Amino acid sequence: MPYDRNGNYGTSFYPEKISPAPDGYVFAVNQNSSPNSVFLFKVDFTGNPVWGYEYYGLASSNCNDIISNGSGGFLVSGSTADPTGLNYTWLLNADANGKKITENTIPIQGNTGWISGTIPQANGYVLGVSMIPSNTAYQDRFGLLFTDQNGKIIDNGK
């Protein structure tokens, strides 16, 4: 059953991930509108829309992953850009109703950067970060970020 903000089919939606919820499913969807945004929406087990929220990050955003945050809510990870075009990693922590709890960004100067995935660990999460340098003379890079259980970045890794 296709959806957009109003529960109808939408041509600018690019679904990225789905995450189970106790009473349905939560989708993280990239919207290629201007500016780009991420739309989270929940459906019950029969596919009826329950709620939906749109997030823009700093000025535009894209998601790559959504997982449970361990408190009944969701961590959405990806990338965002500020109005000047500077790229940032982006981590949105939402409650079980899709409302933003926290939002964390780290600037990636000289690179296009994004969080490519999130894995739970004992006291928080490990996030994989992909970076493509603006200068093509340099190779692509990959790194790790570590967060607490609320999605707050606690160590930039190496």
N, C-alpha and C. Protein backbone atom coordinates (compact mmCIF):
# COMPACT_ATOMS: atom_id res chain seq x y z
N MET A 1 0.85 -1.17 0.00
CA MET A 1 0.00 0.00 0.00
C MET A 1 0.90 1.24 0.00
N PRO A 2 0.91 2.06 -1.05
CA PRO A 2 1.78 3.24 -1.11
C PRO A 2 1.24 4.42 -0.32
N TYR A 3 2.16 5.26 0.18
CA TYR A 3 1.79 6.41 1.01
C TYR A 3 2.59 7.64 0.63
N ASP A 4 2.05 8.79 0.95
CA ASP A 4 2.81 10.02 1.03
C ASP A 4 2.34 10.71 2.31
N ARG A 5 2.59 11.98 2.45
CA ARG A 5 2.20 12.68 3.68
C ARG A 5 0.72 12.52 4.00
N ASN A 6 -0.09 12.40 2.96
CA ASN A 6 -1.54 12.29 3.16
C ASN A 6 -2.06 10.87 3.02
N GLY A 7 -1.16 9.90 2.97
CA GLY A 7 -1.57 8.52 2.83
C GLY A 7 -1.76 8.10 1.38
N ASN A 8 -1.33 8.93 0.44
CA ASN A 8 -1.47 8.64 -0.98
C ASN A 8 -0.11 8.39 -1.61
N TYR A 9 -0.12 7.84 -2.81
CA TYR A 9 1.12 7.58 -3.54
C TYR A 9 1.85 8.89 -3.81
N GLY A 10 3.15 8.90 -3.65
CA GLY A 10 3.95 10.10 -3.89
C GLY A 10 5.15 9.78 -4.76
N THR A 11 5.40 10.57 -5.80
CA THR A 11 6.49 10.28 -6.72
C THR A 11 7.83 10.79 -6.22
N SER A 12 7.86 11.68 -5.24
CA SER A 12 9.14 12.21 -4.75
C SER A 12 9.64 11.47 -3.52
N PHE A 13 9.00 10.38 -3.13
CA PHE A 13 9.40 9.59 -1.96
C PHE A 13 10.38 8.51 -2.38
N TYR A 14 11.44 8.36 -1.59
CA TYR A 14 12.38 7.28 -1.79
C TYR A 14 12.57 6.57 -0.46
N PRO A 15 11.80 5.50 -0.21
CA PRO A 15 11.89 4.80 1.07
C PRO A 15 13.30 4.24 1.28
N GLU A 16 13.83 4.44 2.46
CA GLU A 16 15.15 3.93 2.78
C GLU A 16 15.08 2.70 3.68
N LYS A 17 14.37 2.81 4.77
CA LYS A 17 14.36 1.73 5.76
C LYS A 17 12.99 1.63 6.41
N ILE A 18 12.76 0.48 6.99
CA ILE A 18 11.57 0.24 7.80
C ILE A 18 12.04 -0.36 9.11
N SER A 19 11.39 0.02 10.20
CA SER A 19 11.74 -0.49 11.52
C SER A 19 10.47 -1.00 12.19
N PRO A 20 10.54 -2.16 12.86
CA PRO A 20 9.34 -2.66 13.54
C PRO A 20 9.03 -1.83 14.78
N ALA A 21 7.76 -1.72 15.09
CA ALA A 21 7.28 -1.09 16.32
C ALA A 21 6.35 -2.11 16.98
N PRO A 22 6.09 -1.99 18.28
CA PRO A 22 5.23 -2.97 18.95
C PRO A 22 3.84 -3.09 18.33
N ASP A 23 3.37 -2.02 17.71
CA ASP A 23 2.01 -2.02 17.16
C ASP A 23 1.96 -1.65 15.68
N GLY A 24 3.08 -1.86 14.97
CA GLY A 24 3.09 -1.56 13.54
C GLY A 24 4.51 -1.43 13.00
N TYR A 25 4.68 -0.49 12.07
CA TYR A 25 5.97 -0.30 11.40
C TYR A 25 6.23 1.19 11.22
N VAL A 26 7.52 1.58 11.30
CA VAL A 26 7.90 2.96 11.06
C VAL A 26 8.81 3.00 9.85
N PHE A 27 8.49 3.87 8.91
CA PHE A 27 9.26 4.04 7.69
C PHE A 27 10.08 5.32 7.76
N ALA A 28 11.31 5.27 7.28
CA ALA A 28 12.13 6.45 7.07
C ALA A 28 12.23 6.64 5.57
N VAL A 29 11.77 7.78 5.10
CA VAL A 29 11.63 8.03 3.67
C VAL A 29 12.36 9.33 3.31
N ASN A 30 13.20 9.29 2.27
CA ASN A 30 13.81 10.50 1.73
C ASN A 30 12.82 11.15 0.78
N GLN A 31 12.69 12.46 0.90
CA GLN A 31 11.84 13.21 -0.01
C GLN A 31 12.74 14.11 -0.86
N ASN A 32 12.73 13.91 -2.13
CA ASN A 32 13.55 14.71 -3.03
C ASN A 32 12.75 15.90 -3.52
N SER A 33 12.47 16.77 -2.58
CA SER A 33 11.82 18.02 -2.91
C SER A 33 12.85 19.11 -2.62
N SER A 34 12.48 20.34 -2.66
CA SER A 34 13.44 21.40 -2.38
C SER A 34 12.98 22.16 -1.14
N PRO A 35 13.70 22.08 -0.03
CA PRO A 35 14.92 21.30 0.18
C PRO A 35 14.58 19.84 0.49
N ASN A 36 15.60 18.98 0.36
CA ASN A 36 15.41 17.56 0.71
C ASN A 36 15.03 17.45 2.18
N SER A 37 14.23 16.45 2.48
CA SER A 37 13.82 16.23 3.86
C SER A 37 13.65 14.74 4.09
N VAL A 38 13.47 14.39 5.36
CA VAL A 38 13.19 13.01 5.75
C VAL A 38 11.80 12.99 6.36
N PHE A 39 11.00 12.05 5.91
CA PHE A 39 9.66 11.89 6.43
C PHE A 39 9.59 10.57 7.17
N LEU A 40 9.23 10.61 8.44
CA LEU A 40 9.00 9.40 9.23
C LEU A 40 7.50 9.21 9.32
N PHE A 41 7.05 8.00 9.04
CA PHE A 41 5.64 7.74 9.26
C PHE A 41 5.44 6.33 9.77
N LYS A 42 4.39 6.20 10.55
CA LYS A 42 4.07 4.93 11.17
C LYS A 42 2.73 4.45 10.65
N VAL A 43 2.66 3.13 10.42
CA VAL A 43 1.40 2.48 10.06
C VAL A 43 1.16 1.35 11.06
N ASP A 44 -0.11 1.00 11.25
CA ASP A 44 -0.42 -0.14 12.11
C ASP A 44 -0.21 -1.43 11.31
N PHE A 45 -0.47 -2.56 11.92
CA PHE A 45 -0.22 -3.85 11.26
C PHE A 45 -1.08 -4.08 10.03
N THR A 46 -2.16 -3.32 9.88
CA THR A 46 -3.00 -3.47 8.70
C THR A 46 -2.69 -2.42 7.63
N GLY A 47 -1.71 -1.54 7.90
CA GLY A 47 -1.30 -0.54 6.92
C GLY A 47 -1.97 0.81 7.05
N ASN A 48 -2.76 1.02 8.09
CA ASN A 48 -3.41 2.31 8.29
C ASN A 48 -2.41 3.32 8.87
N PRO A 49 -2.33 4.54 8.32
CA PRO A 49 -1.43 5.55 8.85
C PRO A 49 -1.77 5.90 10.30
N VAL A 50 -0.73 6.03 11.15
CA VAL A 50 -0.90 6.39 12.56
C VAL A 50 -0.39 7.81 12.80
N TRP A 51 0.82 8.12 12.35
CA TRP A 51 1.39 9.46 12.45
C TRP A 51 2.46 9.64 11.39
N GLY A 52 2.86 10.90 11.18
CA GLY A 52 3.92 11.22 10.25
C GLY A 52 4.53 12.56 10.58
N TYR A 53 5.86 12.66 10.44
CA TYR A 53 6.59 13.90 10.71
C TYR A 53 7.67 14.10 9.66
N GLU A 54 7.88 15.34 9.30
CA GLU A 54 8.91 15.68 8.32
C GLU A 54 10.03 16.42 9.04
N TYR A 55 11.29 16.06 8.70
CA TYR A 55 12.47 16.67 9.31
C TYR A 55 13.40 17.17 8.22
N TYR A 56 13.97 18.38 8.45
CA TYR A 56 14.82 19.02 7.46
C TYR A 56 16.30 19.07 7.85
N GLY A 57 16.67 18.59 9.04
CA GLY A 57 18.05 18.74 9.46
C GLY A 57 18.39 20.22 9.58
N LEU A 58 19.57 20.61 9.10
CA LEU A 58 19.96 22.02 9.18
C LEU A 58 19.26 22.84 8.10
N ALA A 59 19.30 22.37 6.87
CA ALA A 59 18.58 23.03 5.78
C ALA A 59 18.02 22.00 4.81
N SER A 60 18.66 20.86 4.73
CA SER A 60 18.16 19.73 3.96
C SER A 60 18.73 18.47 4.60
N SER A 61 18.11 17.33 4.34
CA SER A 61 18.59 16.09 4.97
C SER A 61 18.23 14.88 4.14
N ASN A 62 18.96 13.79 4.39
CA ASN A 62 18.70 12.48 3.79
C ASN A 62 18.98 11.43 4.84
N CYS A 63 18.19 10.37 4.86
CA CYS A 63 18.42 9.29 5.82
C CYS A 63 18.99 8.07 5.10
N ASN A 64 19.72 7.27 5.86
CA ASN A 64 20.26 6.01 5.38
C ASN A 64 19.84 4.83 6.24
N ASP A 65 19.43 5.10 7.49
CA ASP A 65 19.14 4.00 8.40
C ASP A 65 18.14 4.46 9.46
N ILE A 66 17.38 3.52 10.00
CA ILE A 66 16.51 3.75 11.14
C ILE A 66 16.53 2.48 11.98
N ILE A 67 16.75 2.64 13.28
CA ILE A 67 16.73 1.51 14.21
C ILE A 67 16.01 1.94 15.49
N SER A 68 15.68 0.97 16.32
CA SER A 68 15.10 1.26 17.62
C SER A 68 16.14 1.94 18.49
N ASN A 69 15.72 2.93 19.29
CA ASN A 69 16.66 3.59 20.19
C ASN A 69 16.70 2.93 21.56
N GLY A 70 16.01 1.82 21.75
CA GLY A 70 16.04 1.10 23.02
C GLY A 70 15.05 1.63 24.04
N SER A 71 14.41 2.76 23.76
CA SER A 71 13.42 3.35 24.67
C SER A 71 12.04 3.39 24.03
N GLY A 72 11.85 2.59 22.99
CA GLY A 72 10.56 2.58 22.29
C GLY A 72 10.50 3.52 21.12
N GLY A 73 11.54 4.35 20.95
CA GLY A 73 11.60 5.30 19.85
C GLY A 73 12.56 4.84 18.78
N PHE A 74 13.08 5.81 18.01
CA PHE A 74 13.86 5.47 16.82
C PHE A 74 15.04 6.41 16.64
N LEU A 75 16.15 5.86 16.14
CA LEU A 75 17.30 6.65 15.71
C LEU A 75 17.32 6.64 14.20
N VAL A 76 17.32 7.82 13.60
CA VAL A 76 17.40 7.97 12.16
C VAL A 76 18.76 8.59 11.87
N SER A 77 19.53 7.97 10.96
CA SER A 77 20.86 8.49 10.67
C SER A 77 21.02 8.73 9.18
N GLY A 78 21.86 9.70 8.86
CA GLY A 78 22.12 10.05 7.47
C GLY A 78 22.99 11.27 7.37
N SER A 79 22.55 12.23 6.54
CA SER A 79 23.33 13.44 6.32
C SER A 79 22.42 14.65 6.28
N THR A 80 23.03 15.81 6.51
CA THR A 80 22.33 17.08 6.41
C THR A 80 23.31 18.10 5.87
N ALA A 81 22.81 19.20 5.39
CA ALA A 81 23.66 20.29 4.91
C ALA A 81 23.10 21.60 5.44
N ASP A 82 24.00 22.55 5.72
CA ASP A 82 23.53 23.86 6.17
C ASP A 82 23.22 24.73 4.95
N PRO A 83 22.69 25.91 5.16
CA PRO A 83 22.32 26.76 4.02
C PRO A 83 23.48 27.12 3.09
N THR A 84 24.72 27.05 3.59
CA THR A 84 25.88 27.36 2.74
C THR A 84 26.35 26.16 1.94
N GLY A 85 25.78 24.97 2.21
CA GLY A 85 26.16 23.76 1.50
C GLY A 85 27.17 22.89 2.23
N LEU A 86 27.61 23.29 3.45
CA LEU A 86 28.54 22.48 4.22
C LEU A 86 27.83 21.20 4.67
N ASN A 87 28.47 20.05 4.48
CA ASN A 87 27.89 18.75 4.82
C ASN A 87 28.16 18.38 6.27
N TYR A 88 27.21 17.64 6.85
CA TYR A 88 27.29 17.18 8.23
C TYR A 88 26.77 15.75 8.29
N THR A 89 27.29 14.97 9.24
CA THR A 89 26.60 13.74 9.59
C THR A 89 25.35 14.16 10.36
N TRP A 90 24.32 13.32 10.36
CA TRP A 90 23.05 13.70 11.00
C TRP A 90 22.49 12.49 11.74
N LEU A 91 22.12 12.70 13.01
CA LEU A 91 21.51 11.66 13.82
C LEU A 91 20.31 12.26 14.53
N LEU A 92 19.13 11.76 14.21
CA LEU A 92 17.89 12.22 14.82
C LEU A 92 17.39 11.14 15.76
N ASN A 93 17.11 11.52 17.00
CA ASN A 93 16.56 10.61 18.00
C ASN A 93 15.10 11.01 18.21
N ALA A 94 14.17 10.11 17.89
CA ALA A 94 12.74 10.40 18.01
C ALA A 94 12.09 9.46 19.01
N ASP A 95 11.03 9.93 19.65
CA ASP A 95 10.31 9.08 20.60
C ASP A 95 9.39 8.11 19.86
N ALA A 96 8.64 7.31 20.60
CA ALA A 96 7.77 6.29 20.01
C ALA A 96 6.66 6.89 19.15
N ASN A 97 6.38 8.19 19.32
CA ASN A 97 5.37 8.87 18.52
C ASN A 97 5.97 9.68 17.37
N GLY A 98 7.28 9.51 17.14
CA GLY A 98 7.93 10.18 16.02
C GLY A 98 8.38 11.59 16.29
N LYS A 99 8.19 12.09 17.50
CA LYS A 99 8.59 13.47 17.82
C LYS A 99 10.07 13.52 18.20
N LYS A 100 10.75 14.54 17.70
CA LYS A 100 12.19 14.69 17.92
C LYS A 100 12.51 14.85 19.41
N ILE A 101 13.48 14.04 19.88
CA ILE A 101 14.02 14.17 21.23
C ILE A 101 15.31 14.98 21.15
N THR A 102 16.24 14.51 20.32
CA THR A 102 17.51 15.21 20.10
C THR A 102 17.89 15.10 18.64
N GLU A 103 18.80 15.96 18.25
CA GLU A 103 19.34 15.95 16.89
C GLU A 103 20.81 16.33 17.00
N ASN A 104 21.69 15.51 16.41
CA ASN A 104 23.13 15.76 16.49
C ASN A 104 23.73 15.82 15.09
N THR A 105 24.65 16.76 14.91
CA THR A 105 25.35 16.90 13.64
C THR A 105 26.83 17.11 13.90
N ILE A 106 27.66 16.66 12.96
CA ILE A 106 29.09 16.93 13.00
C ILE A 106 29.48 17.41 11.61
N PRO A 107 30.12 18.59 11.51
CA PRO A 107 30.51 19.08 10.19
C PRO A 107 31.60 18.22 9.57
N ILE A 108 31.51 18.03 8.27
CA ILE A 108 32.49 17.24 7.53
C ILE A 108 33.07 18.16 6.46
N GLN A 109 33.96 19.07 6.86
CA GLN A 109 34.51 20.04 5.93
C GLN A 109 35.37 19.36 4.88
N GLY A 110 35.20 19.79 3.64
CA GLY A 110 35.98 19.24 2.54
C GLY A 110 35.51 17.88 2.07
N ASN A 111 34.39 17.41 2.61
CA ASN A 111 33.87 16.09 2.25
C ASN A 111 32.35 16.14 2.16
N THR A 112 31.80 15.25 1.38
CA THR A 112 30.38 14.93 1.50
C THR A 112 30.34 13.78 2.50
N GLY A 113 29.66 13.94 3.62
CA GLY A 113 29.68 12.92 4.66
C GLY A 113 28.30 12.55 5.12
N TRP A 114 28.14 11.31 5.53
CA TRP A 114 26.86 10.84 6.02
C TRP A 114 27.06 9.62 6.91
N ILE A 115 26.09 9.37 7.77
CA ILE A 115 26.09 8.16 8.58
C ILE A 115 25.45 7.08 7.73
N SER A 116 26.20 6.01 7.51
CA SER A 116 25.73 4.97 6.60
C SER A 116 25.00 3.84 7.31
N GLY A 117 25.09 3.78 8.63
CA GLY A 117 24.41 2.74 9.37
C GLY A 117 24.65 2.87 10.85
N THR A 118 23.79 2.25 11.64
CA THR A 118 23.85 2.34 13.09
C THR A 118 23.69 0.95 13.68
N ILE A 119 24.52 0.64 14.68
CA ILE A 119 24.46 -0.66 15.35
C ILE A 119 24.39 -0.43 16.85
N PRO A 120 23.43 -1.05 17.55
CA PRO A 120 23.38 -0.93 19.01
C PRO A 120 24.58 -1.60 19.66
N GLN A 121 25.06 -1.02 20.74
CA GLN A 121 26.08 -1.65 21.58
C GLN A 121 25.64 -1.50 23.03
N ALA A 122 26.42 -1.99 23.97
CA ALA A 122 26.00 -2.08 25.37
C ALA A 122 25.47 -0.75 25.94
N ASN A 123 26.19 0.34 25.76
CA ASN A 123 25.80 1.61 26.38
C ASN A 123 25.44 2.68 25.37
N GLY A 124 25.12 2.30 24.15
CA GLY A 124 24.78 3.29 23.14
C GLY A 124 24.80 2.69 21.75
N TYR A 125 25.41 3.42 20.82
CA TYR A 125 25.40 3.00 19.42
C TYR A 125 26.74 3.28 18.76
N VAL A 126 27.05 2.49 17.75
CA VAL A 126 28.20 2.72 16.89
C VAL A 126 27.63 3.10 15.53
N LEU A 127 28.12 4.19 14.98
CA LEU A 127 27.64 4.67 13.70
C LEU A 127 28.77 4.68 12.69
N GLY A 128 28.53 4.09 11.54
CA GLY A 128 29.50 4.13 10.45
C GLY A 128 29.35 5.42 9.68
N VAL A 129 30.46 6.10 9.42
CA VAL A 129 30.45 7.38 8.71
C VAL A 129 31.21 7.22 7.41
N SER A 130 30.58 7.57 6.30
CA SER A 130 31.22 7.56 4.99
C SER A 130 31.53 8.99 4.59
N MET A 131 32.69 9.19 3.96
CA MET A 131 33.10 10.53 3.54
C MET A 131 33.70 10.46 2.15
N ILE A 132 33.22 11.33 1.27
CA ILE A 132 33.78 11.46 -0.07
C ILE A 132 34.41 12.84 -0.15
N PRO A 133 35.75 12.92 -0.31
CA PRO A 133 36.43 14.22 -0.35
C PRO A 133 35.99 15.07 -1.54
N SER A 134 35.90 16.37 -1.31
CA SER A 134 35.60 17.30 -2.40
C SER A 134 36.73 17.33 -3.41
N ASN A 135 37.96 17.18 -2.92
CA ASN A 135 39.13 17.14 -3.79
C ASN A 135 39.32 15.70 -4.26
N THR A 136 39.16 15.46 -5.54
CA THR A 136 39.21 14.09 -6.07
C THR A 136 40.59 13.46 -6.00
N ALA A 137 41.61 14.22 -5.57
CA ALA A 137 42.95 13.64 -5.41
C ALA A 137 43.03 12.77 -4.15
N TYR A 138 42.05 12.89 -3.27
CA TYR A 138 42.03 12.12 -2.03
C TYR A 138 41.05 10.96 -2.15
N GLN A 139 41.33 9.89 -1.42
CA GLN A 139 40.46 8.72 -1.44
C GLN A 139 39.28 8.90 -0.49
N ASP A 140 38.22 8.15 -0.76
CA ASP A 140 37.07 8.13 0.14
C ASP A 140 37.52 7.61 1.49
N ARG A 141 36.79 8.00 2.53
CA ARG A 141 37.15 7.59 3.89
C ARG A 141 35.93 7.00 4.59
N PHE A 142 36.23 6.23 5.63
CA PHE A 142 35.19 5.66 6.47
C PHE A 142 35.63 5.81 7.91
N GLY A 143 34.72 6.12 8.79
CA GLY A 143 35.05 6.26 10.20
C GLY A 143 33.90 5.80 11.08
N LEU A 144 34.09 5.96 12.37
CA LEU A 144 33.08 5.56 13.35
C LEU A 144 32.77 6.72 14.28
N LEU A 145 31.51 6.80 14.70
CA LEU A 145 31.09 7.69 15.77
C LEU A 145 30.47 6.81 16.85
N PHE A 146 30.59 7.24 18.09
CA PHE A 146 30.01 6.51 19.20
C PHE A 146 29.04 7.42 19.93
N THR A 147 27.86 6.91 20.28
CA THR A 147 26.87 7.71 20.99
C THR A 147 26.42 7.00 22.26
N ASP A 148 25.81 7.79 23.15
CA ASP A 148 25.18 7.18 24.31
C ASP A 148 23.80 6.65 23.89
N GLN A 149 23.02 6.17 24.84
CA GLN A 149 21.72 5.57 24.53
C GLN A 149 20.70 6.58 24.02
N ASN A 150 20.97 7.88 24.23
CA ASN A 150 20.06 8.92 23.75
C ASN A 150 20.49 9.48 22.39
N GLY A 151 21.55 8.92 21.81
CA GLY A 151 22.02 9.39 20.52
C GLY A 151 22.97 10.56 20.59
N LYS A 152 23.42 10.95 21.81
CA LYS A 152 24.37 12.05 21.96
C LYS A 152 25.77 11.52 21.66
N ILE A 153 26.47 12.20 20.76
CA ILE A 153 27.82 11.76 20.37
C ILE A 153 28.77 11.93 21.54
N ILE A 154 29.46 10.84 21.90
CA ILE A 154 30.35 10.85 23.05
C ILE A 154 31.82 10.72 22.67
N ASP A 155 32.09 10.27 21.42
CA ASP A 155 33.47 10.11 20.99
C ASP A 155 33.49 10.11 19.46
N ASN A 156 34.37 10.89 18.88
CA ASN A 156 34.43 10.95 17.43
C ASN A 156 35.20 9.80 16.80
N GLY A 157 35.74 8.90 17.59
CA GLY A 157 36.48 7.77 17.02
C GLY A 157 37.67 8.25 16.21
N LYS A 158 38.11 7.44 15.31
CA LYS A 158 39.27 7.80 14.45
C LYS A 158 38.99 7.38 13.05
